[in-house]
Amino acid sequence: ALCKIAANRSVPIPVYAEMGSINPVLVLPSALKTDCEKWAKNY
């Protein structure tokens, strides 16, 4: 919403917005075989 407001000004300005993320984690098979409990507790 802020980006649209700033872009629609007579003189547009930048909006540096940090917004949404679900931050994917890839747990590869080797880690599951050797450190399953450790990573489950950490996460």
All heavy atoms as atom14 arrays in JSON, in Angstrom:
{
  "sequence": "ALCKIAANRSVPIPVYAEMGSINPVLVLPSALKTDCEKWAKNY",
  "atom14_mask": [
    [1, 1, 1, 1, 1, 0, 0, 0, 0, 0, 0, 0, 0, 0],
    [1, 1, 1, 1, 1, 1, 1, 1, 0, 0, 0, 0, 0, 0],
    [1, 1, 1, 1, 1, 1, 0, 0, 0, 0, 0, 0, 0, 0],
    [1, 1, 1, 1, 1, 1, 1, 1, 1, 0, 0, 0, 0, 0],
    [1, 1, 1, 1, 1, 1, 1, 1, 0, 0, 0, 0, 0, 0],
    [1, 1, 1, 1, 1, 0, 0, 0, 0, 0, 0, 0, 0, 0],
    [1, 1, 1, 1, 1, 0, 0, 0, 0, 0, 0, 0, 0, 0],
    [1, 1, 1, 1, 1, 1, 1, 1, 0, 0, 0, 0, 0, 0],
    [1, 1, 1, 1, 1, 1, 1, 1, 1, 1, 1, 0, 0, 0],
    [1, 1, 1, 1, 1, 1, 0, 0, 0, 0, 0, 0, 0, 0],
    [1, 1, 1, 1, 1, 1, 1, 0, 0, 0, 0, 0, 0, 0],
    [1, 1, 1, 1, 1, 1, 1, 0, 0, 0, 0, 0, 0, 0],
    [1, 1, 1, 1, 1, 1, 1, 1, 0, 0, 0, 0, 0, 0],
    [1, 1, 1, 1, 1, 1, 1, 0, 0, 0, 0, 0, 0, 0],
    [1, 1, 1, 1, 1, 1, 1, 0, 0, 0, 0, 0, 0, 0],
    [1, 1, 1, 1, 1, 1, 1, 1, 1, 1, 1, 1, 0, 0],
    [1, 1, 1, 1, 1, 0, 0, 0, 0, 0, 0, 0, 0, 0],
    [1, 1, 1, 1, 1, 1, 1, 1, 1, 0, 0, 0, 0, 0],
    [1, 1, 1, 1, 1, 1, 1, 1, 0, 0, 0, 0, 0, 0],
    [1, 1, 1, 1, 0, 0, 0, 0, 0, 0, 0, 0, 0, 0],
    [1, 1, 1, 1, 1, 1, 0, 0, 0, 0, 0, 0, 0, 0],
    [1, 1, 1, 1, 1, 1, 1, 1, 0, 0, 0, 0, 0, 0],
    [1, 1, 1, 1, 1, 1, 1, 1, 0, 0, 0, 0, 0, 0],
    [1, 1, 1, 1, 1, 1, 1, 0, 0, 0, 0, 0, 0, 0],
    [1, 1, 1, 1, 1, 1, 1, 0, 0, 0, 0, 0, 0, 0],
    [1, 1, 1, 1, 1, 1, 1, 1, 0, 0, 0, 0, 0, 0],
    [1, 1, 1, 1, 1, 1, 1, 0, 0, 0, 0, 0, 0, 0],
    [1, 1, 1, 1, 1, 1, 1, 1, 0, 0, 0, 0, 0, 0],
    [1, 1, 1, 1, 1, 1, 1, 0, 0, 0, 0, 0, 0, 0],
    [1, 1, 1, 1, 1, 1, 0, 0, 0, 0, 0, 0, 0, 0],
    [1, 1, 1, 1, 1, 0, 0, 0, 0, 0, 0, 0, 0, 0],
    [1, 1, 1, 1, 1, 1, 1, 1, 0, 0, 0, 0, 0, 0],
    [1, 1, 1, 1, 1, 1, 1, 1, 1, 0, 0, 0, 0, 0],
    [1, 1, 1, 1, 1, 1, 1, 0, 0, 0, 0, 0, 0, 0],
    [1, 1, 1, 1, 1, 1, 1, 1, 0, 0, 0, 0, 0, 0],
    [1, 1, 1, 1, 1, 1, 0, 0, 0, 0, 0, 0, 0, 0],
    [1, 1, 1, 1, 1, 1, 1, 1, 1, 0, 0, 0, 0, 0],
    [1, 1, 1, 1, 1, 1, 1, 1, 1, 0, 0, 0, 0, 0],
    [1, 1, 1, 1, 1, 1, 1, 1, 1, 1, 1, 1, 1, 1],
    [1, 1, 1, 1, 1, 0, 0, 0, 0, 0, 0, 0, 0, 0],
    [1, 1, 1, 1, 1, 1, 1, 1, 1, 0, 0, 0, 0, 0],
    [1, 1, 1, 1, 1, 1, 1, 1, 0, 0, 0, 0, 0, 0],
    [1, 1, 1, 1, 1, 1, 1, 1, 1, 1, 1, 1, 0, 0]
  ],
  "atom14_positions": [
    [[0.84, -1.21, 0.0], [0.0, 0.0, 0.0], [0.87, 1.26, 0.0], [0.62, 2.21, -0.75], [-0.93, 0.0, 1.21], [0.0, 0.0, 0.0], [0.0, 0.0, 0.0], [0.0, 0.0, 0.0], [0.0, 0.0, 0.0], [0.0, 0.0, 0.0], [0.0, 0.0, 0.0], [0.0, 0.0, 0.0], [0.0, 0.0, 0.0], [0.0, 0.0, 0.0]],
    [[1.92, 1.26, 0.82], [2.84, 2.41, 0.85], [3.57, 2.58, -0.48], [3.78, 3.71, -0.94], [3.85, 2.25, 1.99], [3.29, 2.34, 3.41], [4.41, 2.11, 4.42], [2.64, 3.7, 3.66], [0.0, 0.0, 0.0], [0.0, 0.0, 0.0], [0.0, 0.0, 0.0], [0.0, 0.0, 0.0], [0.0, 0.0, 0.0], [0.0, 0.0, 0.0]],
    [[3.95, 1.47, -1.1], [4.62, 1.54, -2.41], [3.72, 2.21, -3.44], [4.19, 3.02, -4.25], [5.02, 0.14, -2.88], [6.42, -0.58, -1.99], [0.0, 0.0, 0.0], [0.0, 0.0, 0.0], [0.0, 0.0, 0.0], [0.0, 0.0, 0.0], [0.0, 0.0, 0.0], [0.0, 0.0, 0.0], [0.0, 0.0, 0.0], [0.0, 0.0, 0.0]],
    [[2.44, 1.88, -3.41], [1.49, 2.46, -4.37], [1.31, 3.96, -4.11], [1.26, 4.76, -5.05], [0.15, 1.74, -4.29], [0.2, 0.33, -4.87], [-1.12, -0.39, -4.66], [-1.04, -1.82, -5.18], [-2.29, -2.59, -4.9], [0.0, 0.0, 0.0], [0.0, 0.0, 0.0], [0.0, 0.0, 0.0], [0.0, 0.0, 0.0], [0.0, 0.0, 0.0]],
    [[1.21, 4.33, -2.83], [1.06, 5.75, -2.5], [2.27, 6.53, -2.98], [2.15, 7.6, -3.59], [0.88, 5.92, -0.97], [-0.46, 5.33, -0.52], [0.96, 7.4, -0.57], [-0.59, 5.17, 0.99], [0.0, 0.0, 0.0], [0.0, 0.0, 0.0], [0.0, 0.0, 0.0], [0.0, 0.0, 0.0], [0.0, 0.0, 0.0], [0.0, 0.0, 0.0]],
    [[3.47, 6.0, -2.71], [4.7, 6.69, -3.09], [4.86, 6.77, -4.6], [5.35, 7.77, -5.13], [5.9, 5.96, -2.48], [0.0, 0.0, 0.0], [0.0, 0.0, 0.0], [0.0, 0.0, 0.0], [0.0, 0.0, 0.0], [0.0, 0.0, 0.0], [0.0, 0.0, 0.0], [0.0, 0.0, 0.0], [0.0, 0.0, 0.0], [0.0, 0.0, 0.0]],
    [[4.43, 5.73, -5.3], [4.55, 5.71, -6.77], [3.57, 6.66, -7.44], [3.83, 7.16, -8.54], [4.34, 4.29, -7.29], [0.0, 0.0, 0.0], [0.0, 0.0, 0.0], [0.0, 0.0, 0.0], [0.0, 0.0, 0.0], [0.0, 0.0, 0.0], [0.0, 0.0, 0.0], [0.0, 0.0, 0.0], [0.0, 0.0, 0.0], [0.0, 0.0, 0.0]],
    [[2.45, 6.94, -6.76], [1.41, 7.8, -7.34], [1.59, 9.28, -7.03], [0.78, 10.1, -7.45], [0.03, 7.34, -6.86], [-0.38, 6.03, -7.5], [0.03, 5.72, -8.62], [-1.19, 5.25, -6.8], [0.0, 0.0, 0.0], [0.0, 0.0, 0.0], [0.0, 0.0, 0.0], [0.0, 0.0, 0.0], [0.0, 0.0, 0.0], [0.0, 0.0, 0.0]],
    [[2.64, 9.63, -6.29], [2.94, 11.04, -6.05], [3.32, 11.73, -7.37], [3.76, 11.07, -8.32], [4.12, 11.18, -5.08], [3.81, 10.8, -3.67], [5.01, 10.86, -2.74], [6.07, 11.77, -3.15], [6.85, 12.47, -2.33], [6.68, 12.37, -1.03], [7.81, 13.25, -2.77], [0.0, 0.0, 0.0], [0.0, 0.0, 0.0], [0.0, 0.0, 0.0]],
    [[3.2, 13.05, -7.4], [3.64, 13.77, -8.6], [5.14, 13.58, -8.81], [5.62, 13.53, -9.95], [3.3, 15.26, -8.49], [3.9, 15.81, -7.33], [0.0, 0.0, 0.0], [0.0, 0.0, 0.0], [0.0, 0.0, 0.0], [0.0, 0.0, 0.0], [0.0, 0.0, 0.0], [0.0, 0.0, 0.0], [0.0, 0.0, 0.0], [0.0, 0.0, 0.0]],
    [[5.89, 13.48, -7.71], [7.3, 13.09, -7.77], [7.42, 11.79, -6.97], [7.47, 11.81, -5.74], [8.22, 14.17, -7.17], [9.67, 13.71, -7.22], [8.05, 15.49, -7.91], [0.0, 0.0, 0.0], [0.0, 0.0, 0.0], [0.0, 0.0, 0.0], [0.0, 0.0, 0.0], [0.0, 0.0, 0.0], [0.0, 0.0, 0.0], [0.0, 0.0, 0.0]],
    [[7.45, 10.63, -7.64], [7.52, 9.35, -6.92], [8.79, 9.25, -6.08], [9.82, 9.83, -6.4], [7.52, 8.31, -8.04], [6.92, 9.01, -9.22], [7.36, 10.44, -9.1], [0.0, 0.0, 0.0], [0.0, 0.0, 0.0], [0.0, 0.0, 0.0], [0.0, 0.0, 0.0], [0.0, 0.0, 0.0], [0.0, 0.0, 0.0], [0.0, 0.0, 0.0]],
    [[8.68, 8.49, -4.98], [9.84, 8.27, -4.11], [9.95, 6.78, -3.82], [8.97, 6.03, -3.94], [9.72, 9.05, -2.78], [8.44, 8.67, -2.02], [9.79, 10.55, -3.03], [8.35, 9.25, -0.62], [0.0, 0.0, 0.0], [0.0, 0.0, 0.0], [0.0, 0.0, 0.0], [0.0, 0.0, 0.0], [0.0, 0.0, 0.0], [0.0, 0.0, 0.0]],
    [[11.14, 6.3, -3.44], [11.29, 4.88, -3.13], [10.75, 4.52, -1.76], [10.84, 5.31, -0.81], [12.81, 4.67, -3.19], [13.38, 6.01, -2.84], [12.43, 7.02, -3.4], [0.0, 0.0, 0.0], [0.0, 0.0, 0.0], [0.0, 0.0, 0.0], [0.0, 0.0, 0.0], [0.0, 0.0, 0.0], [0.0, 0.0, 0.0], [0.0, 0.0, 0.0]],
    [[10.17, 3.34, -1.66], [9.76, 2.75, -0.38], [10.58, 1.48, -0.19], [10.49, 0.57, -1.01], [8.26, 2.43, -0.35], [7.89, 1.69, 0.94], [7.43, 3.69, -0.49], [0.0, 0.0, 0.0], [0.0, 0.0, 0.0], [0.0, 0.0, 0.0], [0.0, 0.0, 0.0], [0.0, 0.0, 0.0], [0.0, 0.0, 0.0], [0.0, 0.0, 0.0]],
    [[11.36, 1.44, 0.86], [12.16, 0.26, 1.17], [11.42, -0.51, 2.25], [11.52, -0.2, 3.44], [13.56, 0.66, 1.59], [14.28, 1.4, 0.49], [14.51, 2.77, 0.57], [14.69, 0.73, -0.66], [15.15, 3.45, -0.46], [15.32, 1.4, -1.69], [15.55, 2.76, -1.59], [16.18, 3.43, -2.61], [0.0, 0.0, 0.0], [0.0, 0.0, 0.0]],
    [[10.63, -1.49, 1.8], [9.75, -2.23, 2.7], [10.26, -3.66, 2.88], [10.53, -4.35, 1.9], [8.33, -2.26, 2.13], [0.0, 0.0, 0.0], [0.0, 0.0, 0.0], [0.0, 0.0, 0.0], [0.0, 0.0, 0.0], [0.0, 0.0, 0.0], [0.0, 0.0, 0.0], [0.0, 0.0, 0.0], [0.0, 0.0, 0.0], [0.0, 0.0, 0.0]],
    [[10.39, -4.07, 4.13], [10.68, -5.47, 4.46], [9.37, -6.06, 4.91], [8.75, -5.58, 5.87], [11.76, -5.53, 5.54], [12.23, -6.94, 5.86], [11.59, -7.49, 7.11], [11.94, -7.05, 8.21], [10.7, -8.35, 6.97], [0.0, 0.0, 0.0], [0.0, 0.0, 0.0], [0.0, 0.0, 0.0], [0.0, 0.0, 0.0], [0.0, 0.0, 0.0]],
    [[8.91, -7.12, 4.21], [7.52, -7.55, 4.38], [7.43, -9.03, 4.78], [7.95, -9.41, 5.82], [6.75, -7.24, 3.1], [6.74, -5.74, 2.77], [5.87, -5.29, 1.26], [7.0, -5.9, 0.0], [0.0, 0.0, 0.0], [0.0, 0.0, 0.0], [0.0, 0.0, 0.0], [0.0, 0.0, 0.0], [0.0, 0.0, 0.0], [0.0, 0.0, 0.0]],
    [[6.77, -9.85, 3.95], [6.43, -11.21, 4.37], [7.43, -12.26, 3.93], [8.06, -12.15, 2.88], [0.0, 0.0, 0.0], [0.0, 0.0, 0.0], [0.0, 0.0, 0.0], [0.0, 0.0, 0.0], [0.0, 0.0, 0.0], [0.0, 0.0, 0.0], [0.0, 0.0, 0.0], [0.0, 0.0, 0.0], [0.0, 0.0, 0.0], [0.0, 0.0, 0.0]],
    [[7.54, -13.33, 4.74], [8.46, -14.42, 4.4], [8.12, -15.64, 5.24], [7.8, -15.53, 6.42], [9.9, -13.98, 4.67], [10.82, -14.96, 4.28], [0.0, 0.0, 0.0], [0.0, 0.0, 0.0], [0.0, 0.0, 0.0], [0.0, 0.0, 0.0], [0.0, 0.0, 0.0], [0.0, 0.0, 0.0], [0.0, 0.0, 0.0], [0.0, 0.0, 0.0]],
    [[8.21, -16.84, 4.62], [8.03, -18.08, 5.39], [9.35, -18.83, 5.53], [9.41, -19.88, 6.16], [6.95, -18.99, 4.76], [7.22, -19.25, 3.28], [5.57, -18.39, 4.96], [6.27, -20.27, 2.66], [0.0, 0.0, 0.0], [0.0, 0.0, 0.0], [0.0, 0.0, 0.0], [0.0, 0.0, 0.0], [0.0, 0.0, 0.0], [0.0, 0.0, 0.0]],
    [[10.41, -18.32, 4.95], [11.78, -18.76, 5.23], [11.98, -20.27, 5.12], [12.16, -20.97, 6.12], [12.19, -18.27, 6.62], [12.0, -16.78, 6.76], [12.63, -16.0, 6.1], [11.07, -16.39, 7.63], [0.0, 0.0, 0.0], [0.0, 0.0, 0.0], [0.0, 0.0, 0.0], [0.0, 0.0, 0.0], [0.0, 0.0, 0.0], [0.0, 0.0, 0.0]],
    [[11.93, -20.82, 3.9], [12.01, -22.27, 3.71], [13.3, -22.88, 4.25], [14.37, -22.3, 4.14], [11.93, -22.42, 2.19], [12.35, -21.1, 1.64], [11.87, -20.09, 2.62], [0.0, 0.0, 0.0], [0.0, 0.0, 0.0], [0.0, 0.0, 0.0], [0.0, 0.0, 0.0], [0.0, 0.0, 0.0], [0.0, 0.0, 0.0], [0.0, 0.0, 0.0]],
    [[13.14, -24.06, 4.84], [14.26, -24.83, 5.38], [14.28, -26.18, 4.69], [13.27, -26.91, 4.71], [14.11, -25.02, 6.9], [15.26, -25.86, 7.45], [14.04, -23.68, 7.61], [0.0, 0.0, 0.0], [0.0, 0.0, 0.0], [0.0, 0.0, 0.0], [0.0, 0.0, 0.0], [0.0, 0.0, 0.0], [0.0, 0.0, 0.0], [0.0, 0.0, 0.0]],
    [[15.39, -26.52, 4.06], [15.54, -27.81, 3.37], [16.34, -28.74, 4.27], [17.54, -28.55, 4.48], [16.26, -27.64, 2.03], [15.44, -27.15, 0.83], [14.75, -25.82, 1.11], [16.3, -27.05, -0.41], [0.0, 0.0, 0.0], [0.0, 0.0, 0.0], [0.0, 0.0, 0.0], [0.0, 0.0, 0.0], [0.0, 0.0, 0.0], [0.0, 0.0, 0.0]],
    [[15.66, -29.75, 4.83], [16.34, -30.73, 5.67], [16.69, -31.92, 4.77], [15.82, -32.71, 4.39], [15.46, -31.17, 6.85], [16.25, -32.07, 7.79], [14.94, -29.97, 7.61], [0.0, 0.0, 0.0], [0.0, 0.0, 0.0], [0.0, 0.0, 0.0], [0.0, 0.0, 0.0], [0.0, 0.0, 0.0], [0.0, 0.0, 0.0], [0.0, 0.0, 0.0]],
    [[17.97, -32.04, 4.42], [18.39, -33.07, 3.46], [18.51, -34.43, 4.14], [18.68, -34.52, 5.37], [19.71, -32.65, 2.82], [19.69, -31.3, 2.07], [20.99, -31.09, 1.31], [18.5, -31.18, 1.13], [0.0, 0.0, 0.0], [0.0, 0.0, 0.0], [0.0, 0.0, 0.0], [0.0, 0.0, 0.0], [0.0, 0.0, 0.0], [0.0, 0.0, 0.0]],
    [[18.42, -35.51, 3.36], [18.4, -36.87, 3.94], [19.55, -37.18, 4.87], [19.36, -37.86, 5.89], [18.42, -37.76, 2.7], [17.74, -36.95, 1.64], [18.18, -35.53, 1.9], [0.0, 0.0, 0.0], [0.0, 0.0, 0.0], [0.0, 0.0, 0.0], [0.0, 0.0, 0.0], [0.0, 0.0, 0.0], [0.0, 0.0, 0.0], [0.0, 0.0, 0.0]],
    [[20.75, -36.71, 4.56], [21.91, -37.03, 5.42], [21.72, -36.49, 6.83], [22.06, -37.15, 7.82], [23.19, -36.45, 4.81], [23.15, -35.03, 4.79], [0.0, 0.0, 0.0], [0.0, 0.0, 0.0], [0.0, 0.0, 0.0], [0.0, 0.0, 0.0], [0.0, 0.0, 0.0], [0.0, 0.0, 0.0], [0.0, 0.0, 0.0], [0.0, 0.0, 0.0]],
    [[21.16, -35.29, 6.96], [20.93, -34.7, 8.28], [19.86, -35.45, 9.05], [19.94, -35.61, 10.27], [20.55, -33.23, 8.13], [0.0, 0.0, 0.0], [0.0, 0.0, 0.0], [0.0, 0.0, 0.0], [0.0, 0.0, 0.0], [0.0, 0.0, 0.0], [0.0, 0.0, 0.0], [0.0, 0.0, 0.0], [0.0, 0.0, 0.0], [0.0, 0.0, 0.0]],
    [[18.84, -35.93, 8.33], [17.78, -36.69, 8.98], [18.3, -38.03, 9.5], [17.85, -38.53, 10.53], [16.63, -36.93, 8.01], [15.82, -35.69, 7.61], [14.85, -36.02, 6.5], [15.07, -35.12, 8.81], [0.0, 0.0, 0.0], [0.0, 0.0, 0.0], [0.0, 0.0, 0.0], [0.0, 0.0, 0.0], [0.0, 0.0, 0.0], [0.0, 0.0, 0.0]],
    [[19.26, -38.61, 8.79], [19.81, -39.91, 9.2], [20.75, -39.79, 10.4], [20.82, -40.69, 11.24], [20.54, -40.56, 8.03], [19.6, -41.08, 6.94], [20.38, -41.64, 5.76], [19.41, -42.12, 4.67], [20.13, -42.58, 3.45], [0.0, 0.0, 0.0], [0.0, 0.0, 0.0], [0.0, 0.0, 0.0], [0.0, 0.0, 0.0], [0.0, 0.0, 0.0]],
    [[21.48, -38.69, 10.49], [22.52, -38.59, 11.52], [22.16, -37.67, 12.68], [22.62, -37.89, 13.8], [23.83, -38.07, 10.9], [23.6, -36.77, 10.33], [24.35, -39.01, 9.82], [0.0, 0.0, 0.0], [0.0, 0.0, 0.0], [0.0, 0.0, 0.0], [0.0, 0.0, 0.0], [0.0, 0.0, 0.0], [0.0, 0.0, 0.0], [0.0, 0.0, 0.0]],
    [[21.34, -36.63, 12.43], [21.08, -35.62, 13.47], [19.6, -35.27, 13.58], [19.25, -34.11, 13.84], [21.88, -34.35, 13.17], [23.38, -34.58, 13.23], [23.83, -35.09, 14.26], [24.07, -34.25, 12.25], [0.0, 0.0, 0.0], [0.0, 0.0, 0.0], [0.0, 0.0, 0.0], [0.0, 0.0, 0.0], [0.0, 0.0, 0.0], [0.0, 0.0, 0.0]],
    [[18.75, -36.23, 13.37], [17.3, -35.97, 13.33], [16.8, -35.29, 14.6], [16.13, -34.25, 14.55], [16.57, -37.29, 13.11], [14.78, -37.15, 13.07], [0.0, 0.0, 0.0], [0.0, 0.0, 0.0], [0.0, 0.0, 0.0], [0.0, 0.0, 0.0], [0.0, 0.0, 0.0], [0.0, 0.0, 0.0], [0.0, 0.0, 0.0], [0.0, 0.0, 0.0]],
    [[17.13, -35.85, 15.76], [16.63, -35.31, 17.02], [17.18, -33.91, 17.29], [16.45, -33.02, 17.74], [17.01, -36.25, 18.17], [16.4, -35.84, 19.5], [16.64, -36.86, 20.59], [17.14, -37.96, 20.29], [16.3, -36.55, 21.75], [0.0, 0.0, 0.0], [0.0, 0.0, 0.0], [0.0, 0.0, 0.0], [0.0, 0.0, 0.0], [0.0, 0.0, 0.0]],
    [[18.46, -33.71, 17.01], [19.09, -32.4, 17.22], [18.37, -31.31, 16.44], [18.01, -30.26, 17.0], [20.55, -32.47, 16.8], [21.23, -31.12, 16.66], [22.58, -31.25, 15.97], [23.08, -29.91, 15.46], [24.36, -30.02, 14.74], [0.0, 0.0, 0.0], [0.0, 0.0, 0.0], [0.0, 0.0, 0.0], [0.0, 0.0, 0.0], [0.0, 0.0, 0.0]],
    [[18.14, -31.56, 15.15], [17.53, -30.52, 14.33], [16.06, -30.32, 14.68], [15.54, -29.2, 14.6], [17.72, -30.83, 12.84], [19.14, -30.65, 12.41], [19.99, -31.59, 11.93], [19.88, -29.43, 12.46], [21.23, -31.05, 11.67], [21.19, -29.72, 11.98], [19.59, -28.13, 12.85], [22.18, -28.75, 11.88], [20.57, -27.15, 12.77], [21.85, -27.47, 12.29]],
    [[15.38, -31.4, 15.06], [13.98, -31.26, 15.47], [13.87, -30.37, 16.71], [13.01, -29.49, 16.79], [13.37, -32.63, 15.75], [0.0, 0.0, 0.0], [0.0, 0.0, 0.0], [0.0, 0.0, 0.0], [0.0, 0.0, 0.0], [0.0, 0.0, 0.0], [0.0, 0.0, 0.0], [0.0, 0.0, 0.0], [0.0, 0.0, 0.0], [0.0, 0.0, 0.0]],
    [[14.75, -30.57, 17.68], [14.74, -29.73, 18.9], [15.1, -28.29, 18.57], [14.48, -27.34, 19.08], [15.72, -30.3, 19.92], [15.24, -31.59, 20.57], [16.26, -32.08, 21.61], [15.74, -33.32, 22.33], [16.7, -33.83, 23.33], [0.0, 0.0, 0.0], [0.0, 0.0, 0.0], [0.0, 0.0, 0.0], [0.0, 0.0, 0.0], [0.0, 0.0, 0.0]],
    [[16.12, -28.11, 17.72], [16.54, -26.75, 17.35], [15.41, -25.99, 16.67], [15.19, -24.8, 16.92], [17.75, -26.8, 16.43], [19.04, -27.11, 17.17], [19.05, -27.21, 18.38], [20.13, -27.28, 16.44], [0.0, 0.0, 0.0], [0.0, 0.0, 0.0], [0.0, 0.0, 0.0], [0.0, 0.0, 0.0], [0.0, 0.0, 0.0], [0.0, 0.0, 0.0]],
    [[14.69, -26.7, 15.81], [13.63, -26.01, 15.06], [12.36, -25.83, 15.88], [11.61, -24.86, 15.66], [13.4, -26.69, 13.71], [14.32, -26.05, 12.69], [15.62, -26.49, 12.55], [13.9, -24.95, 11.98], [16.5, -25.85, 11.67], [14.76, -24.31, 11.1], [16.05, -24.76, 10.95], [16.92, -24.1, 10.11], [0.0, 0.0, 0.0], [0.0, 0.0, 0.0]]
  ]
}
